[in-house]
Amino acid sequence: MSYSVIGGADGPTSVFLAGKIGFNWINVFGLILVLLLLIPNIIYALKLGNHRNECNHKVMNILEQIGRYASVFFMIFSIGIAEFGFSSLGAFFLYGIGNIVLMLTYWIVWMLYFHKQDLKKAMALAVIPACIFVLSGAASGHILLVASGVVFAIGHIYITYQNGISERGEK
Protein backbone atom coordinates (compact mmCIF):
# COMPACT_ATOMS: atom_id res chain seq x y z
CA MET A 1 0.00 0.00 0.00
CA SER A 2 1.34 3.42 -0.87
CA TYR A 3 0.49 6.82 0.48
CA SER A 4 0.52 10.06 -1.44
CA VAL A 5 0.14 13.38 0.31
CA ILE A 6 -0.54 16.63 -1.50
CA GLY A 7 -0.72 19.90 0.35
CA GLY A 8 -0.93 18.87 3.98
CA ALA A 9 -3.94 18.49 6.27
CA ASP A 10 -6.45 20.40 4.16
CA GLY A 11 -9.57 19.33 2.27
CA PRO A 12 -7.97 18.23 -1.02
CA THR A 13 -5.64 15.87 0.85
CA SER A 14 -8.43 14.16 2.73
CA VAL A 15 -10.44 13.64 -0.47
CA PHE A 16 -7.34 12.35 -2.25
CA LEU A 17 -6.72 9.81 0.53
CA ALA A 18 -10.39 8.82 0.61
CA GLY A 19 -10.09 8.10 -3.11
CA LYS A 20 -7.33 5.66 -2.32
CA ILE A 21 -9.61 3.89 0.15
CA GLY A 22 -12.34 3.36 -2.43
CA PHE A 23 -14.46 6.49 -2.64
CA ASN A 24 -13.06 7.71 -5.96
CA TRP A 25 -16.46 7.43 -7.68
CA ILE A 26 -17.82 10.44 -5.78
CA ASN A 27 -16.61 14.04 -5.97
CA VAL A 28 -17.01 15.40 -2.45
CA PHE A 29 -16.33 18.98 -3.55
CA GLY A 30 -18.93 18.67 -6.30
CA LEU A 31 -21.45 17.29 -3.81
CA ILE A 32 -20.83 20.22 -1.46
CA LEU A 33 -21.23 22.71 -4.32
CA VAL A 34 -24.52 21.12 -5.42
CA LEU A 35 -25.85 21.19 -1.85
CA LEU A 36 -24.85 24.84 -1.49
CA LEU A 37 -26.66 25.61 -4.76
CA LEU A 38 -29.80 23.81 -3.57
CA ILE A 39 -30.18 25.33 -0.09
CA PRO A 40 -31.46 28.79 -1.14
CA ASN A 41 -33.66 27.19 -3.82
CA ILE A 42 -35.29 24.95 -1.20
CA ILE A 43 -35.82 27.93 1.11
CA TYR A 44 -37.39 29.86 -1.78
CA ALA A 45 -39.68 26.94 -2.65
CA LEU A 46 -40.81 26.62 0.97
CA LYS A 47 -41.31 30.38 1.31
CA LEU A 48 -43.12 30.88 -2.01
CA GLY A 49 -44.43 27.44 -2.91
CA ASN A 50 -46.88 28.78 -5.48
CA HIS A 51 -44.21 29.76 -8.06
CA ARG A 52 -45.14 28.54 -11.52
CA ASN A 53 -43.11 28.22 -14.71
CA GLU A 54 -44.73 30.57 -17.23
CA CYS A 55 -42.48 29.54 -20.11
CA ASN A 56 -44.37 27.37 -22.61
CA HIS A 57 -41.39 26.63 -24.86
CA LYS A 58 -41.22 22.82 -24.61
CA VAL A 59 -37.74 22.46 -26.10
CA MET A 60 -36.25 24.97 -23.65
CA ASN A 61 -38.03 23.34 -20.70
CA ILE A 62 -36.64 19.94 -21.74
CA LEU A 63 -33.14 21.35 -22.33
CA GLU A 64 -33.15 22.97 -18.91
CA GLN A 65 -34.13 19.75 -17.14
CA ILE A 66 -31.68 17.55 -19.07
CA GLY A 67 -28.90 20.07 -18.44
CA ARG A 68 -29.80 20.46 -14.77
CA TYR A 69 -29.89 16.75 -13.90
CA ALA A 70 -26.87 15.87 -16.04
CA SER A 71 -24.83 18.71 -14.52
CA VAL A 72 -25.72 17.69 -10.97
CA PHE A 73 -24.92 14.06 -11.77
CA PHE A 74 -21.55 14.87 -13.33
CA MET A 75 -20.67 17.28 -10.50
CA ILE A 76 -21.17 14.53 -7.92
CA PHE A 77 -20.28 11.24 -9.59
CA SER A 78 -17.11 10.25 -11.41
CA ILE A 79 -17.95 7.74 -14.11
CA GLY A 80 -14.63 7.79 -15.97
CA ILE A 81 -16.02 8.92 -19.33
CA ALA A 82 -14.59 12.16 -20.79
CA GLU A 83 -12.89 12.99 -17.48
CA PHE A 84 -9.25 14.01 -17.60
CA GLY A 85 -8.61 15.63 -14.21
CA PHE A 86 -6.86 18.89 -13.39
CA SER A 87 -4.23 19.64 -16.01
CA SER A 88 -2.16 21.75 -13.61
CA LEU A 89 -2.05 23.22 -10.15
CA GLY A 90 -3.37 26.44 -11.68
CA ALA A 91 -6.45 24.61 -12.97
CA PHE A 92 -7.03 23.20 -9.49
CA PHE A 93 -6.77 26.69 -7.95
CA LEU A 94 -9.09 28.09 -10.65
CA TYR A 95 -11.61 25.38 -9.73
CA GLY A 96 -11.38 26.13 -6.02
CA ILE A 97 -11.13 29.92 -6.01
CA GLY A 98 -13.54 30.38 -8.93
CA ASN A 99 -16.22 28.23 -7.31
CA ILE A 100 -15.80 29.96 -3.94
CA VAL A 101 -16.22 33.40 -5.55
CA LEU A 102 -19.19 32.25 -7.65
CA MET A 103 -20.88 30.56 -4.67
CA LEU A 104 -20.44 33.59 -2.43
CA THR A 105 -21.86 35.80 -5.19
CA TYR A 106 -24.77 33.37 -5.63
CA TRP A 107 -25.65 33.48 -1.94
CA ILE A 108 -25.36 37.27 -1.79
CA VAL A 109 -27.65 37.66 -4.81
CA TRP A 110 -30.12 35.23 -3.21
CA MET A 111 -30.18 37.34 -0.04
CA LEU A 112 -30.84 40.44 -2.13
CA TYR A 113 -33.48 38.56 -4.15
CA PHE A 114 -35.29 37.47 -0.96
CA HIS A 115 -35.43 41.15 0.02
CA LYS A 116 -36.63 42.46 -3.37
CA GLN A 117 -37.25 40.39 -6.47
CA ASP A 118 -36.41 41.78 -9.89
CA LEU A 119 -35.35 40.49 -13.29
CA LYS A 120 -31.67 41.42 -12.96
CA LYS A 121 -31.27 39.39 -9.78
CA ALA A 122 -33.26 36.51 -11.26
CA MET A 123 -30.99 36.49 -14.30
CA ALA A 124 -27.89 36.50 -12.07
CA LEU A 125 -29.36 33.53 -10.19
CA ALA A 126 -29.77 31.74 -13.53
CA VAL A 127 -26.30 32.55 -14.87
CA ILE A 128 -24.20 31.82 -11.77
CA PRO A 129 -25.06 28.09 -11.39
CA ALA A 130 -24.41 27.58 -15.10
CA CYS A 131 -21.02 29.27 -14.65
CA ILE A 132 -20.27 26.97 -11.70
CA PHE A 133 -21.03 23.89 -13.80
CA VAL A 134 -19.04 25.07 -16.82
CA LEU A 135 -16.09 26.31 -14.73
CA SER A 136 -15.97 23.06 -12.76
CA GLY A 137 -16.01 21.01 -15.94
CA ALA A 138 -13.45 23.13 -17.76
CA ALA A 139 -11.02 23.34 -14.84
CA SER A 140 -11.22 19.62 -14.10
CA GLY A 141 -11.15 18.51 -17.74
CA HIS A 142 -14.63 16.99 -17.53
CA ILE A 143 -16.06 17.42 -21.03
CA LEU A 144 -19.51 15.99 -20.25
CA LEU A 145 -19.92 18.42 -17.34
CA VAL A 146 -19.02 21.35 -19.62
CA ALA A 147 -21.52 20.16 -22.24
CA SER A 148 -24.33 19.60 -19.72
CA GLY A 149 -23.55 22.97 -18.11
CA VAL A 150 -23.91 24.72 -21.46
CA VAL A 151 -27.20 22.90 -22.17
CA PHE A 152 -28.44 23.89 -18.71
CA ALA A 153 -27.35 27.50 -19.26
CA ILE A 154 -29.23 27.80 -22.54
CA GLY A 155 -32.48 26.43 -21.12
CA HIS A 156 -32.31 27.97 -17.64
CA ILE A 157 -31.37 31.47 -18.74
CA TYR A 158 -34.06 31.50 -21.44
CA ILE A 159 -36.77 30.24 -19.06
CA THR A 160 -35.75 32.61 -16.27
CA TYR A 161 -35.91 35.55 -18.66
CA GLN A 162 -39.30 34.50 -20.04
CA ASN A 163 -40.70 34.02 -16.53
CA GLY A 164 -39.27 37.36 -15.45
CA ILE A 165 -40.80 39.38 -18.24
CA SER A 166 -44.17 37.63 -17.99
CA GLU A 167 -44.45 37.90 -14.19
CA ARG A 168 -43.14 41.42 -13.76
CA GLY A 169 -43.89 42.94 -17.14
CA GLU A 170 -40.19 43.90 -17.37
CA LYS A 171 -38.41 44.23 -20.68
C-alpha atoms as a PDB file:
ATOM      1  CA  MET A   1       0.000   0.000   0.000  1.00  0.00           C
ATOM      2  CA  SER A   2       1.338   3.421  -0.873  1.00  0.00           C
ATOM      3  CA  TYR A   3       0.488   6.818   0.483  1.00  0.00           C
ATOM      4  CA  SER A   4       0.523  10.058  -1.443  1.00  0.00           C
ATOM      5  CA  VAL A   5       0.136  13.383   0.306  1.00  0.00           C
ATOM      6  CA  ILE A   6      -0.540  16.632  -1.498  1.00  0.00           C
ATOM      7  CA  GLY A   7      -0.719  19.904   0.347  1.00  0.00           C
ATOM      8  CA  GLY A   8      -0.934  18.874   3.982  1.00  0.00           C
ATOM      9  CA  ALA A   9      -3.940  18.488   6.268  1.00  0.00           C
ATOM     10  CA  ASP A  10      -6.450  20.396   4.163  1.00  0.00           C
ATOM     11  CA  GLY A  11      -9.567  19.328   2.266  1.00  0.00           C
ATOM     12  CA  PRO A  12      -7.968  18.227  -1.016  1.00  0.00           C
ATOM     13  CA  THR A  13      -5.636  15.867   0.853  1.00  0.00           C
ATOM     14  CA  SER A  14      -8.430  14.157   2.727  1.00  0.00           C
ATOM     15  CA  VAL A  15     -10.441  13.640  -0.465  1.00  0.00           C
ATOM     16  CA  PHE A  16      -7.344  12.351  -2.245  1.00  0.00           C
ATOM     17  CA  LEU A  17      -6.720   9.814   0.529  1.00  0.00           C
ATOM     18  CA  ALA A  18     -10.386   8.819   0.611  1.00  0.00           C
ATOM     19  CA  GLY A  19     -10.094   8.098  -3.115  1.00  0.00           C
ATOM     20  CA  LYS A  20      -7.332   5.661  -2.318  1.00  0.00           C
ATOM     21  CA  ILE A  21      -9.608   3.889   0.154  1.00  0.00           C
ATOM     22  CA  GLY A  22     -12.340   3.361  -2.434  1.00  0.00           C
ATOM     23  CA  PHE A  23     -14.461   6.492  -2.645  1.00  0.00           C
ATOM     24  CA  ASN A  24     -13.060   7.707  -5.956  1.00  0.00           C
ATOM     25  CA  TRP A  25     -16.457   7.432  -7.679  1.00  0.00           C
ATOM     26  CA  ILE A  26     -17.817  10.440  -5.784  1.00  0.00           C
ATOM     27  CA  ASN A  27     -16.607  14.040  -5.968  1.00  0.00           C
ATOM     28  CA  VAL A  28     -17.012  15.400  -2.447  1.00  0.00           C
ATOM     29  CA  PHE A  29     -16.332  18.981  -3.547  1.00  0.00           C
ATOM     30  CA  GLY A  30     -18.931  18.674  -6.305  1.00  0.00           C
ATOM     31  CA  LEU A  31     -21.454  17.287  -3.807  1.00  0.00           C
ATOM     32  CA  ILE A  32     -20.834  20.216  -1.463  1.00  0.00           C
ATOM     33  CA  LEU A  33     -21.226  22.706  -4.323  1.00  0.00           C
ATOM     34  CA  VAL A  34     -24.515  21.125  -5.416  1.00  0.00           C
ATOM     35  CA  LEU A  35     -25.846  21.189  -1.849  1.00  0.00           C
ATOM     36  CA  LEU A  36     -24.846  24.840  -1.487  1.00  0.00           C
ATOM     37  CA  LEU A  37     -26.664  25.612  -4.756  1.00  0.00           C
ATOM     38  CA  LEU A  38     -29.799  23.808  -3.569  1.00  0.00           C
ATOM     39  CA  ILE A  39     -30.184  25.326  -0.092  1.00  0.00           C
ATOM     40  CA  PRO A  40     -31.465  28.791  -1.136  1.00  0.00           C
ATOM     41  CA  ASN A  41     -33.656  27.191  -3.822  1.00  0.00           C
ATOM     42  CA  ILE A  42     -35.291  24.952  -1.203  1.00  0.00           C
ATOM     43  CA  ILE A  43     -35.816  27.933   1.110  1.00  0.00           C
ATOM     44  CA  TYR A  44     -37.391  29.860  -1.775  1.00  0.00           C
ATOM     45  CA  ALA A  45     -39.679  26.945  -2.653  1.00  0.00           C
ATOM     46  CA  LEU A  46     -40.811  26.621   0.972  1.00  0.00           C
ATOM     47  CA  LYS A  47     -41.309  30.377   1.312  1.00  0.00           C
ATOM     48  CA  LEU A  48     -43.123  30.882  -2.014  1.00  0.00           C
ATOM     49  CA  GLY A  49     -44.431  27.439  -2.912  1.00  0.00           C
ATOM     50  CA  ASN A  50     -46.879  28.778  -5.478  1.00  0.00           C
ATOM     51  CA  HIS A  51     -44.210  29.761  -8.057  1.00  0.00           C
ATOM     52  CA  ARG A  52     -45.140  28.535 -11.516  1.00  0.00           C
ATOM     53  CA  ASN A  53     -43.112  28.216 -14.707  1.00  0.00           C
ATOM     54  CA  GLU A  54     -44.734  30.565 -17.226  1.00  0.00           C
ATOM     55  CA  CYS A  55     -42.482  29.538 -20.107  1.00  0.00           C
ATOM     56  CA  ASN A  56     -44.369  27.365 -22.606  1.00  0.00           C
ATOM     57  CA  HIS A  57     -41.393  26.630 -24.857  1.00  0.00           C
ATOM     58  CA  LYS A  58     -41.225  22.822 -24.606  1.00  0.00           C
ATOM     59  CA  VAL A  59     -37.737  22.456 -26.099  1.00  0.00           C
ATOM     60  CA  MET A  60     -36.252  24.965 -23.654  1.00  0.00           C
ATOM     61  CA  ASN A  61     -38.029  23.337 -20.701  1.00  0.00           C
ATOM     62  CA  ILE A  62     -36.640  19.939 -21.741  1.00  0.00           C
ATOM     63  CA  LEU A  63     -33.137  21.353 -22.329  1.00  0.00           C
ATOM     64  CA  GLU A  64     -33.154  22.965 -18.910  1.00  0.00           C
ATOM     65  CA  GLN A  65     -34.131  19.747 -17.142  1.00  0.00           C
ATOM     66  CA  ILE A  66     -31.685  17.554 -19.070  1.00  0.00           C
ATOM     67  CA  GLY A  67     -28.898  20.065 -18.441  1.00  0.00           C
ATOM     68  CA  ARG A  68     -29.803  20.455 -14.771  1.00  0.00           C
ATOM     69  CA  TYR A  69     -29.886  16.753 -13.905  1.00  0.00           C
ATOM     70  CA  ALA A  70     -26.873  15.874 -16.035  1.00  0.00           C
ATOM     71  CA  SER A  71     -24.828  18.707 -14.518  1.00  0.00           C
ATOM     72  CA  VAL A  72     -25.724  17.690 -10.971  1.00  0.00           C
ATOM     73  CA  PHE A  73     -24.921  14.057 -11.774  1.00  0.00           C
ATOM     74  CA  PHE A  74     -21.547  14.871 -13.334  1.00  0.00           C
ATOM     75  CA  MET A  75     -20.665  17.284 -10.497  1.00  0.00           C
ATOM     76  CA  ILE A  76     -21.166  14.534  -7.921  1.00  0.00           C
ATOM     77  CA  PHE A  77     -20.275  11.236  -9.593  1.00  0.00           C
ATOM     78  CA  SER A  78     -17.105  10.246 -11.411  1.00  0.00           C
ATOM     79  CA  ILE A  79     -17.954   7.742 -14.113  1.00  0.00           C
ATOM     80  CA  GLY A  80     -14.630   7.791 -15.967  1.00  0.00           C
ATOM     81  CA  ILE A  81     -16.020   8.916 -19.328  1.00  0.00           C
ATOM     82  CA  ALA A  82     -14.592  12.157 -20.793  1.00  0.00           C
ATOM     83  CA  GLU A  83     -12.886  12.991 -17.478  1.00  0.00           C
ATOM     84  CA  PHE A  84      -9.247  14.006 -17.604  1.00  0.00           C
ATOM     85  CA  GLY A  85      -8.607  15.635 -14.210  1.00  0.00           C
ATOM     86  CA  PHE A  86      -6.863  18.891 -13.394  1.00  0.00           C
ATOM     87  CA  SER A  87      -4.225  19.643 -16.009  1.00  0.00           C
ATOM     88  CA  SER A  88      -2.155  21.753 -13.606  1.00  0.00           C
ATOM     89  CA  LEU A  89      -2.046  23.217 -10.148  1.00  0.00           C
ATOM     90  CA  GLY A  90      -3.371  26.445 -11.678  1.00  0.00           C
ATOM     91  CA  ALA A  91      -6.448  24.612 -12.972  1.00  0.00           C
ATOM     92  CA  PHE A  92      -7.029  23.205  -9.491  1.00  0.00           C
ATOM     93  CA  PHE A  93      -6.771  26.689  -7.955  1.00  0.00           C
ATOM     94  CA  LEU A  94      -9.087  28.090 -10.649  1.00  0.00           C
ATOM     95  CA  TYR A  95     -11.612  25.381  -9.733  1.00  0.00           C
ATOM     96  CA  GLY A  96     -11.380  26.129  -6.025  1.00  0.00           C
ATOM     97  CA  ILE A  97     -11.128  29.923  -6.013  1.00  0.00           C
ATOM     98  CA  GLY A  98     -13.539  30.376  -8.926  1.00  0.00           C
ATOM     99  CA  ASN A  99     -16.215  28.234  -7.311  1.00  0.00           C
ATOM    100  CA  ILE A 100     -15.803  29.958  -3.936  1.00  0.00           C
ATOM    101  CA  VAL A 101     -16.218  33.400  -5.551  1.00  0.00           C
ATOM    102  CA  LEU A 102     -19.190  32.248  -7.651  1.00  0.00           C
ATOM    103  CA  MET A 103     -20.883  30.558  -4.675  1.00  0.00           C
ATOM    104  CA  LEU A 104     -20.441  33.595  -2.430  1.00  0.00           C
ATOM    105  CA  THR A 105     -21.858  35.796  -5.189  1.00  0.00           C
ATOM    106  CA  TYR A 106     -24.765  33.369  -5.634  1.00  0.00           C
ATOM    107  CA  TRP A 107     -25.651  33.475  -1.941  1.00  0.00           C
ATOM    108  CA  ILE A 108     -25.357  37.271  -1.791  1.00  0.00           C
ATOM    109  CA  VAL A 109     -27.649  37.657  -4.813  1.00  0.00           C
ATOM    110  CA  TRP A 110     -30.115  35.228  -3.215  1.00  0.00           C
ATOM    111  CA  MET A 111     -30.177  37.344  -0.039  1.00  0.00           C
ATOM    112  CA  LEU A 112     -30.840  40.442  -2.128  1.00  0.00           C
ATOM    113  CA  TYR A 113     -33.478  38.557  -4.146  1.00  0.00           C
ATOM    114  CA  PHE A 114     -35.294  37.475  -0.961  1.00  0.00           C
ATOM    115  CA  HIS A 115     -35.426  41.153   0.020  1.00  0.00           C
ATOM    116  CA  LYS A 116     -36.626  42.461  -3.365  1.00  0.00           C
ATOM    117  CA  GLN A 117     -37.255  40.393  -6.470  1.00  0.00           C
ATOM    118  CA  ASP A 118     -36.410  41.782  -9.893  1.00  0.00           C
ATOM    119  CA  LEU A 119     -35.351  40.490 -13.293  1.00  0.00           C
ATOM    120  CA  LYS A 120     -31.669  41.424 -12.959  1.00  0.00           C
ATOM    121  CA  LYS A 121     -31.268  39.389  -9.776  1.00  0.00           C
ATOM    122  CA  ALA A 122     -33.264  36.509 -11.257  1.00  0.00           C
ATOM    123  CA  MET A 123     -30.988  36.495 -14.296  1.00  0.00           C
ATOM    124  CA  ALA A 124     -27.892  36.503 -12.073  1.00  0.00           C
ATOM    125  CA  LEU A 125     -29.356  33.531 -10.192  1.00  0.00           C
ATOM    126  CA  ALA A 126     -29.770  31.742 -13.526  1.00  0.00           C
ATOM    127  CA  VAL A 127     -26.301  32.554 -14.866  1.00  0.00           C
ATOM    128  CA  ILE A 128     -24.196  31.816 -11.770  1.00  0.00           C
ATOM    129  CA  PRO A 129     -25.060  28.089 -11.391  1.00  0.00           C
ATOM    130  CA  ALA A 130     -24.408  27.576 -15.099  1.00  0.00           C
ATOM    131  CA  CYS A 131     -21.019  29.266 -14.648  1.00  0.00           C
ATOM    132  CA  ILE A 132     -20.268  26.975 -11.701  1.00  0.00           C
ATOM    133  CA  PHE A 133     -21.030  23.887 -13.800  1.00  0.00           C
ATOM    134  CA  VAL A 134     -19.041  25.067 -16.820  1.00  0.00           C
ATOM    135  CA  LEU A 135     -16.092  26.307 -14.731  1.00  0.00           C
ATOM    136  CA  SER A 136     -15.969  23.056 -12.756  1.00  0.00           C
ATOM    137  CA  GLY A 137     -16.010  21.009 -15.938  1.00  0.00           C
ATOM    138  CA  ALA A 138     -13.447  23.135 -17.763  1.00  0.00           C
ATOM    139  CA  ALA A 139     -11.015  23.344 -14.840  1.00  0.00           C
ATOM    140  CA  SER A 140     -11.218  19.615 -14.103  1.00  0.00           C
ATOM    141  CA  GLY A 141     -11.152  18.509 -17.737  1.00  0.00           C
ATOM    142  CA  HIS A 142     -14.633  16.987 -17.527  1.00  0.00           C
ATOM    143  CA  ILE A 143     -16.059  17.419 -21.030  1.00  0.00           C
ATOM    144  CA  LEU A 144     -19.509  15.994 -20.254  1.00  0.00           C
ATOM    145  CA  LEU A 145     -19.920  18.420 -17.345  1.00  0.00           C
ATOM    146  CA  VAL A 146     -19.020  21.349 -19.615  1.00  0.00           C
ATOM    147  CA  ALA A 147     -21.521  20.156 -22.241  1.00  0.00           C
ATOM    148  CA  SER A 148     -24.331  19.604 -19.722  1.00  0.00           C
ATOM    149  CA  GLY A 149     -23.549  22.972 -18.111  1.00  0.00           C
ATOM    150  CA  VAL A 150     -23.907  24.719 -21.463  1.00  0.00           C
ATOM    151  CA  VAL A 151     -27.203  22.900 -22.171  1.00  0.00           C
ATOM    152  CA  PHE A 152     -28.444  23.889 -18.710  1.00  0.00           C
ATOM    153  CA  ALA A 153     -27.350  27.502 -19.258  1.00  0.00           C
ATOM    154  CA  ILE A 154     -29.226  27.795 -22.542  1.00  0.00           C
ATOM    155  CA  GLY A 155     -32.482  26.427 -21.116  1.00  0.00           C
ATOM    156  CA  HIS A 156     -32.314  27.965 -17.643  1.00  0.00           C
ATOM    157  CA  ILE A 157     -31.371  31.472 -18.735  1.00  0.00           C
ATOM    158  CA  TYR A 158     -34.063  31.502 -21.440  1.00  0.00           C
ATOM    159  CA  ILE A 159     -36.767  30.238 -19.057  1.00  0.00           C
ATOM    160  CA  THR A 160     -35.748  32.612 -16.269  1.00  0.00           C
ATOM    161  CA  TYR A 161     -35.911  35.551 -18.664  1.00  0.00           C
ATOM    162  CA  GLN A 162     -39.299  34.501 -20.039  1.00  0.00           C
ATOM    163  CA  ASN A 163     -40.699  34.025 -16.529  1.00  0.00           C
ATOM    164  CA  GLY A 164     -39.265  37.361 -15.448  1.00  0.00           C
ATOM    165  CA  ILE A 165     -40.802  39.375 -18.236  1.00  0.00           C
ATOM    166  CA  SER A 166     -44.174  37.634 -17.995  1.00  0.00           C
ATOM    167  CA  GLU A 167     -44.447  37.896 -14.187  1.00  0.00           C
ATOM    168  CA  ARG A 168     -43.142  41.419 -13.765  1.00  0.00           C
ATOM    169  CA  GLY A 169     -43.886  42.938 -17.139  1.00  0.00           C
ATOM    170  CA  GLU A 170     -40.195  43.905 -17.370  1.00  0.00           C
ATOM    171  CA  LYS A 171     -38.415  44.227 -20.683  1.00  0.00           C
END
